[in-house]
Amino acid sequence: MRVDTGFAALGTERLVLRRSLPEDAPTISAYRSDPVVHRHQGWDRTDVEGVRAEIEEMAGRAPGEPGGWVQLSAIRREDEELIGDVGLSVGEAEPEVLKLGYTISPAFQGLGYATEAVAALTEYGFDALAAEVVRIYASAANAASIRVAEKVGLRLVERIPRGGGRSAVRYELTRDERGFRHAPIPTDT
């Protein structure tokens, strides 16, 4: 995996994905603390100080660098509103795997923002970071998150049982699968 020490931001048609800043913490905390959002997530802390501490801890880590997550805030271009956050992390025991995570504020869900952000991160992972595999974990009960993974082209690889009758799913897209997906359709000549 390559390390992108010069990372500034990623742009999509409607979003800018830039490093999360300490001043983003109140907004991120508000939607992460929403019980509907929180039930599908695995954060230890969702309070403002906890979110701020995580942002500050991640600030020195470059995308592609092992050792933890890099968090990006999803900013809507039209009004510069923070609508969610996305993250990327190199697999601990699998340095060729790039894990992605994403959360969109409930006020902005269902509008395609998560798909747009995850598609951009997937392309960035393969093109800039030279990932061999892009991986997403989700709660098996989080149908919206699963739809995002599938729309971006990831495939279900594993169902993971968890305690209390809950389970998670693992979705992946490999570099070879991505290349096939982008390959031109042969024509008879």
C-alpha atoms as a PDB file:
ATOM      1  CA  MET A   1       0.000   0.000   0.000  1.00  0.00           C
ATOM      2  CA  ARG A   2       1.283   3.440  -0.874  1.00  0.00           C
ATOM      3  CA  VAL A   3       1.124   6.276   1.651  1.00  0.00           C
ATOM      4  CA  ASP A   4      -0.301   9.590   0.430  1.00  0.00           C
ATOM      5  CA  THR A   5       1.630  12.139   2.495  1.00  0.00           C
ATOM      6  CA  GLY A   6       0.435  14.977   0.269  1.00  0.00           C
ATOM      7  CA  PHE A   7      -3.286  14.321   0.687  1.00  0.00           C
ATOM      8  CA  ALA A   8      -5.393  17.484   0.588  1.00  0.00           C
ATOM      9  CA  ALA A   9      -8.967  16.495  -0.358  1.00  0.00           C
ATOM     10  CA  LEU A  10     -11.051  14.413  -2.749  1.00  0.00           C
ATOM     11  CA  GLY A  11     -13.760  15.977  -4.837  1.00  0.00           C
ATOM     12  CA  THR A  12     -16.910  14.504  -6.322  1.00  0.00           C
ATOM     13  CA  GLU A  13     -19.751  16.139  -8.210  1.00  0.00           C
ATOM     14  CA  ARG A  14     -21.504  17.234  -5.017  1.00  0.00           C
ATOM     15  CA  LEU A  15     -18.982  16.684  -2.218  1.00  0.00           C
ATOM     16  CA  VAL A  16     -15.546  17.586  -0.964  1.00  0.00           C
ATOM     17  CA  LEU A  17     -13.973  14.933   1.269  1.00  0.00           C
ATOM     18  CA  ARG A  18     -11.361  16.670   3.398  1.00  0.00           C
ATOM     19  CA  ARG A  19      -9.530  15.841   6.613  1.00  0.00           C
ATOM     20  CA  SER A  20     -11.840  16.146   9.594  1.00  0.00           C
ATOM     21  CA  LEU A  21     -10.974  19.139  11.768  1.00  0.00           C
ATOM     22  CA  PRO A  22     -11.413  19.546  15.545  1.00  0.00           C
ATOM     23  CA  GLU A  23     -14.134  22.144  14.887  1.00  0.00           C
ATOM     24  CA  ASP A  24     -16.152  19.445  13.035  1.00  0.00           C
ATOM     25  CA  ALA A  25     -16.585  17.513  16.301  1.00  0.00           C
ATOM     26  CA  PRO A  26     -19.916  19.063  17.442  1.00  0.00           C
ATOM     27  CA  THR A  27     -21.632  18.267  14.128  1.00  0.00           C
ATOM     28  CA  ILE A  28     -20.168  14.760  13.887  1.00  0.00           C
ATOM     29  CA  SER A  29     -21.062  14.088  17.523  1.00  0.00           C
ATOM     30  CA  ALA A  30     -24.668  15.186  16.955  1.00  0.00           C
ATOM     31  CA  TYR A  31     -25.416  12.670  14.206  1.00  0.00           C
ATOM     32  CA  ARG A  32     -23.255   9.872  15.636  1.00  0.00           C
ATOM     33  CA  SER A  33     -25.143  10.195  18.937  1.00  0.00           C
ATOM     34  CA  ASP A  34     -28.506   9.771  17.201  1.00  0.00           C
ATOM     35  CA  PRO A  35     -29.788   6.361  18.407  1.00  0.00           C
ATOM     36  CA  VAL A  36     -30.873   5.389  14.878  1.00  0.00           C
ATOM     37  CA  VAL A  37     -27.324   5.994  13.591  1.00  0.00           C
ATOM     38  CA  HIS A  38     -25.460   4.717  16.645  1.00  0.00           C
ATOM     39  CA  ARG A  39     -27.131   1.289  16.719  1.00  0.00           C
ATOM     40  CA  HIS A  40     -25.297   0.288  13.522  1.00  0.00           C
ATOM     41  CA  GLN A  41     -21.910   1.737  14.452  1.00  0.00           C
ATOM     42  CA  GLY A  42     -19.039   0.663  16.664  1.00  0.00           C
ATOM     43  CA  TRP A  43     -17.672   3.905  18.103  1.00  0.00           C
ATOM     44  CA  ASP A  44     -16.596   3.886  21.708  1.00  0.00           C
ATOM     45  CA  ARG A  45     -17.445   7.564  22.237  1.00  0.00           C
ATOM     46  CA  THR A  46     -19.845   9.885  20.449  1.00  0.00           C
ATOM     47  CA  ASP A  47     -19.609  12.888  22.782  1.00  0.00           C
ATOM     48  CA  VAL A  48     -18.015  16.069  21.381  1.00  0.00           C
ATOM     49  CA  GLU A  49     -14.769  15.685  23.361  1.00  0.00           C
ATOM     50  CA  GLY A  50     -14.430  12.013  22.354  1.00  0.00           C
ATOM     51  CA  VAL A  51     -14.957  12.821  18.673  1.00  0.00           C
ATOM     52  CA  ARG A  52     -12.530  15.753  18.890  1.00  0.00           C
ATOM     53  CA  ALA A  53      -9.900  13.521  20.534  1.00  0.00           C
ATOM     54  CA  GLU A  54     -10.258  10.932  17.734  1.00  0.00           C
ATOM     55  CA  ILE A  55      -9.917  13.637  15.066  1.00  0.00           C
ATOM     56  CA  GLU A  56      -6.790  15.009  16.743  1.00  0.00           C
ATOM     57  CA  GLU A  57      -5.299  11.504  17.082  1.00  0.00           C
ATOM     58  CA  MET A  58      -5.865  10.815  13.377  1.00  0.00           C
ATOM     59  CA  ALA A  59      -4.553  14.202  12.190  1.00  0.00           C
ATOM     60  CA  GLY A  60      -0.952  13.042  11.944  1.00  0.00           C
ATOM     61  CA  ARG A  61      -1.736   9.859  10.003  1.00  0.00           C
ATOM     62  CA  ALA A  62      -1.584   9.915   6.193  1.00  0.00           C
ATOM     63  CA  PRO A  63      -3.968   7.873   4.038  1.00  0.00           C
ATOM     64  CA  GLY A  64      -2.385   4.474   3.413  1.00  0.00           C
ATOM     65  CA  GLU A  65      -0.286   4.631   6.580  1.00  0.00           C
ATOM     66  CA  PRO A  66      -0.788   1.668   8.926  1.00  0.00           C
ATOM     67  CA  GLY A  67      -1.803   2.160  12.517  1.00  0.00           C
ATOM     68  CA  GLY A  68      -5.416   3.283  12.468  1.00  0.00           C
ATOM     69  CA  TRP A  69      -8.090   5.250  10.707  1.00  0.00           C
ATOM     70  CA  VAL A  70      -7.930   8.469   8.706  1.00  0.00           C
ATOM     71  CA  GLN A  71     -11.198  10.384   8.955  1.00  0.00           C
ATOM     72  CA  LEU A  72     -12.560  12.702   6.285  1.00  0.00           C
ATOM     73  CA  SER A  73     -15.522  15.024   6.617  1.00  0.00           C
ATOM     74  CA  ALA A  74     -18.028  15.018   3.761  1.00  0.00           C
ATOM     75  CA  ILE A  75     -18.779  18.628   2.874  1.00  0.00           C
ATOM     76  CA  ARG A  76     -21.612  19.456   0.495  1.00  0.00           C
ATOM     77  CA  ARG A  77     -20.304  21.762  -2.245  1.00  0.00           C
ATOM     78  CA  GLU A  78     -23.484  23.807  -2.689  1.00  0.00           C
ATOM     79  CA  ASP A  79     -23.483  25.240   0.849  1.00  0.00           C
ATOM     80  CA  GLU A  80     -20.300  23.880   2.507  1.00  0.00           C
ATOM     81  CA  GLU A  81     -22.378  21.995   5.079  1.00  0.00           C
ATOM     82  CA  LEU A  82     -20.807  19.003   6.830  1.00  0.00           C
ATOM     83  CA  ILE A  83     -23.212  16.147   6.035  1.00  0.00           C
ATOM     84  CA  GLY A  84     -21.247  13.095   7.181  1.00  0.00           C
ATOM     85  CA  ASP A  85     -17.862  11.509   7.556  1.00  0.00           C
ATOM     86  CA  VAL A  86     -15.953   8.693   5.943  1.00  0.00           C
ATOM     87  CA  GLY A  87     -12.837   6.862   6.996  1.00  0.00           C
ATOM     88  CA  LEU A  88     -10.130   4.636   5.617  1.00  0.00           C
ATOM     89  CA  SER A  89      -7.726   2.299   7.343  1.00  0.00           C
ATOM     90  CA  VAL A  90      -5.080  -0.163   6.229  1.00  0.00           C
ATOM     91  CA  GLY A  91      -5.856  -3.711   7.375  1.00  0.00           C
ATOM     92  CA  GLU A  92      -3.775  -4.512  10.477  1.00  0.00           C
ATOM     93  CA  ALA A  93      -2.619  -7.974   9.401  1.00  0.00           C
ATOM     94  CA  GLU A  94      -3.406  -7.418   5.710  1.00  0.00           C
ATOM     95  CA  PRO A  95      -1.443  -4.392   4.474  1.00  0.00           C
ATOM     96  CA  GLU A  96      -2.891  -4.728   0.954  1.00  0.00           C
ATOM     97  CA  VAL A  97      -6.463  -4.265   2.264  1.00  0.00           C
ATOM     98  CA  LEU A  98      -8.059  -0.831   2.595  1.00  0.00           C
ATOM     99  CA  LYS A  99     -11.045  -0.743   4.943  1.00  0.00           C
ATOM    100  CA  LEU A 100     -13.682   1.948   4.446  1.00  0.00           C
ATOM    101  CA  GLY A 101     -16.316   3.252   6.828  1.00  0.00           C
ATOM    102  CA  TYR A 102     -19.011   5.868   6.362  1.00  0.00           C
ATOM    103  CA  THR A 103     -21.725   7.712   8.215  1.00  0.00           C
ATOM    104  CA  ILE A 104     -24.126  10.258   6.786  1.00  0.00           C
ATOM    105  CA  SER A 105     -26.251  12.480   9.011  1.00  0.00           C
ATOM    106  CA  PRO A 106     -29.892  11.315   8.983  1.00  0.00           C
ATOM    107  CA  ALA A 107     -30.945  14.670   7.486  1.00  0.00           C
ATOM    108  CA  PHE A 108     -28.940  13.806   4.348  1.00  0.00           C
ATOM    109  CA  GLN A 109     -29.473  10.059   4.057  1.00  0.00           C
ATOM    110  CA  GLY A 110     -31.213   8.597   1.029  1.00  0.00           C
ATOM    111  CA  LEU A 111     -29.846  11.247  -1.342  1.00  0.00           C
ATOM    112  CA  GLY A 112     -26.899   9.284  -2.745  1.00  0.00           C
ATOM    113  CA  TYR A 113     -24.199  11.095  -0.789  1.00  0.00           C
ATOM    114  CA  ALA A 114     -22.838   7.931   0.862  1.00  0.00           C
ATOM    115  CA  THR A 115     -22.612   6.135  -2.485  1.00  0.00           C
ATOM    116  CA  GLU A 116     -20.863   9.125  -4.049  1.00  0.00           C
ATOM    117  CA  ALA A 117     -18.348   9.385  -1.198  1.00  0.00           C
ATOM    118  CA  VAL A 118     -17.642   5.638  -1.010  1.00  0.00           C
ATOM    119  CA  ALA A 119     -17.220   5.406  -4.792  1.00  0.00           C
ATOM    120  CA  ALA A 120     -14.639   8.214  -4.633  1.00  0.00           C
ATOM    121  CA  LEU A 121     -12.800   6.558  -1.728  1.00  0.00           C
ATOM    122  CA  THR A 122     -12.803   3.204  -3.540  1.00  0.00           C
ATOM    123  CA  GLU A 123     -11.253   4.724  -6.665  1.00  0.00           C
ATOM    124  CA  TYR A 124      -8.763   6.664  -4.539  1.00  0.00           C
ATOM    125  CA  GLY A 125      -7.817   3.474  -2.685  1.00  0.00           C
ATOM    126  CA  PHE A 126      -7.042   1.600  -5.888  1.00  0.00           C
ATOM    127  CA  ASP A 127      -5.515   4.473  -7.877  1.00  0.00           C
ATOM    128  CA  ALA A 128      -3.599   6.567  -5.330  1.00  0.00           C
ATOM    129  CA  LEU A 129      -2.913   4.056  -2.567  1.00  0.00           C
ATOM    130  CA  ALA A 130      -2.478   0.928  -4.738  1.00  0.00           C
ATOM    131  CA  ALA A 131      -4.799  -1.154  -2.547  1.00  0.00           C
ATOM    132  CA  GLU A 132      -5.367  -4.723  -3.724  1.00  0.00           C
ATOM    133  CA  VAL A 133      -8.691  -5.046  -1.872  1.00  0.00           C
ATOM    134  CA  VAL A 134     -11.257  -2.499  -0.682  1.00  0.00           C
ATOM    135  CA  ARG A 135     -13.314  -3.841   2.230  1.00  0.00           C
ATOM    136  CA  ILE A 136     -16.407  -2.650   4.066  1.00  0.00           C
ATOM    137  CA  TYR A 137     -17.895  -4.139   7.223  1.00  0.00           C
ATOM    138  CA  ALA A 138     -21.504  -3.376   8.132  1.00  0.00           C
ATOM    139  CA  SER A 139     -24.165  -4.508  10.517  1.00  0.00           C
ATOM    140  CA  ALA A 140     -26.250  -7.146   8.751  1.00  0.00           C
ATOM    141  CA  ALA A 141     -29.298  -5.149   9.886  1.00  0.00           C
ATOM    142  CA  ASN A 142     -28.101  -1.964   8.164  1.00  0.00           C
ATOM    143  CA  ALA A 143     -29.775  -2.360   4.774  1.00  0.00           C
ATOM    144  CA  ALA A 144     -28.867   1.169   3.661  1.00  0.00           C
ATOM    145  CA  SER A 145     -25.155   0.623   4.285  1.00  0.00           C
ATOM    146  CA  ILE A 146     -25.265  -2.698   2.473  1.00  0.00           C
ATOM    147  CA  ARG A 147     -26.944  -1.020  -0.532  1.00  0.00           C
ATOM    148  CA  VAL A 148     -24.108   1.524  -0.657  1.00  0.00           C
ATOM    149  CA  ALA A 149     -21.486  -1.241  -0.765  1.00  0.00           C
ATOM    150  CA  GLU A 150     -23.369  -3.069  -3.502  1.00  0.00           C
ATOM    151  CA  LYS A 151     -23.956   0.074  -5.607  1.00  0.00           C
ATOM    152  CA  VAL A 152     -20.226   0.770  -5.536  1.00  0.00           C
ATOM    153  CA  GLY A 153     -19.546  -2.750  -6.803  1.00  0.00           C
ATOM    154  CA  LEU A 154     -18.447  -4.600  -3.678  1.00  0.00           C
ATOM    155  CA  ARG A 155     -19.642  -8.167  -3.217  1.00  0.00           C
ATOM    156  CA  LEU A 156     -20.712 -10.028  -0.110  1.00  0.00           C
ATOM    157  CA  VAL A 157     -17.832 -12.191   1.110  1.00  0.00           C
ATOM    158  CA  GLU A 158     -18.803 -13.238   4.615  1.00  0.00           C
ATOM    159  CA  ARG A 159     -21.521 -13.132   7.266  1.00  0.00           C
ATOM    160  CA  ILE A 160     -20.026 -12.764  10.735  1.00  0.00           C
ATOM    161  CA  PRO A 161     -22.059 -13.873  13.772  1.00  0.00           C
ATOM    162  CA  ARG A 162     -21.919 -11.576  16.779  1.00  0.00           C
ATOM    163  CA  GLY A 163     -23.338 -11.954  20.257  1.00  0.00           C
ATOM    164  CA  GLY A 164     -26.971 -11.331  21.072  1.00  0.00           C
ATOM    165  CA  GLY A 165     -28.310 -12.679  17.784  1.00  0.00           C
ATOM    166  CA  ARG A 166     -26.651  -9.874  15.824  1.00  0.00           C
ATOM    167  CA  SER A 167     -24.364 -10.325  12.855  1.00  0.00           C
ATOM    168  CA  ALA A 168     -22.163  -8.312  10.547  1.00  0.00           C
ATOM    169  CA  VAL A 169     -21.306  -8.624   6.867  1.00  0.00           C
ATOM    170  CA  ARG A 170     -18.060  -8.153   4.987  1.00  0.00           C
ATOM    171  CA  TYR A 171     -18.089  -6.760   1.456  1.00  0.00           C
ATOM    172  CA  GLU A 172     -15.046  -6.556  -0.834  1.00  0.00           C
ATOM    173  CA  LEU A 173     -13.880  -5.478  -4.246  1.00  0.00           C
ATOM    174  CA  THR A 174     -10.479  -6.646  -5.507  1.00  0.00           C
ATOM    175  CA  ARG A 175      -8.233  -4.807  -7.922  1.00  0.00           C
ATOM    176  CA  ASP A 176      -8.820  -7.566 -10.507  1.00  0.00           C
ATOM    177  CA  GLU A 177     -12.602  -7.360 -10.101  1.00  0.00           C
ATOM    178  CA  ARG A 178     -12.465  -3.603 -10.396  1.00  0.00           C
ATOM    179  CA  GLY A 179     -10.414  -3.879 -13.590  1.00  0.00           C
ATOM    180  CA  PHE A 180     -12.918  -6.296 -15.046  1.00  0.00           C
ATOM    181  CA  ARG A 181     -15.784  -4.006 -14.098  1.00  0.00           C
ATOM    182  CA  HIS A 182     -14.092  -1.113 -15.914  1.00  0.00           C
ATOM    183  CA  ALA A 183     -12.954  -3.151 -18.937  1.00  0.00           C
ATOM    184  CA  PRO A 184     -14.469  -2.205 -22.282  1.00  0.00           C
ATOM    185  CA  ILE A 185     -17.083  -4.521 -23.728  1.00  0.00           C
ATOM    186  CA  PRO A 186     -15.620  -6.369 -26.728  1.00  0.00           C
ATOM    187  CA  THR A 187     -17.347  -5.812 -30.034  1.00  0.00           C
ATOM    188  CA  ASP A 188     -17.307  -7.932 -33.153  1.00  0.00           C
ATOM    189  CA  THR A 189     -15.441  -6.279 -36.003  1.00  0.00           C
END
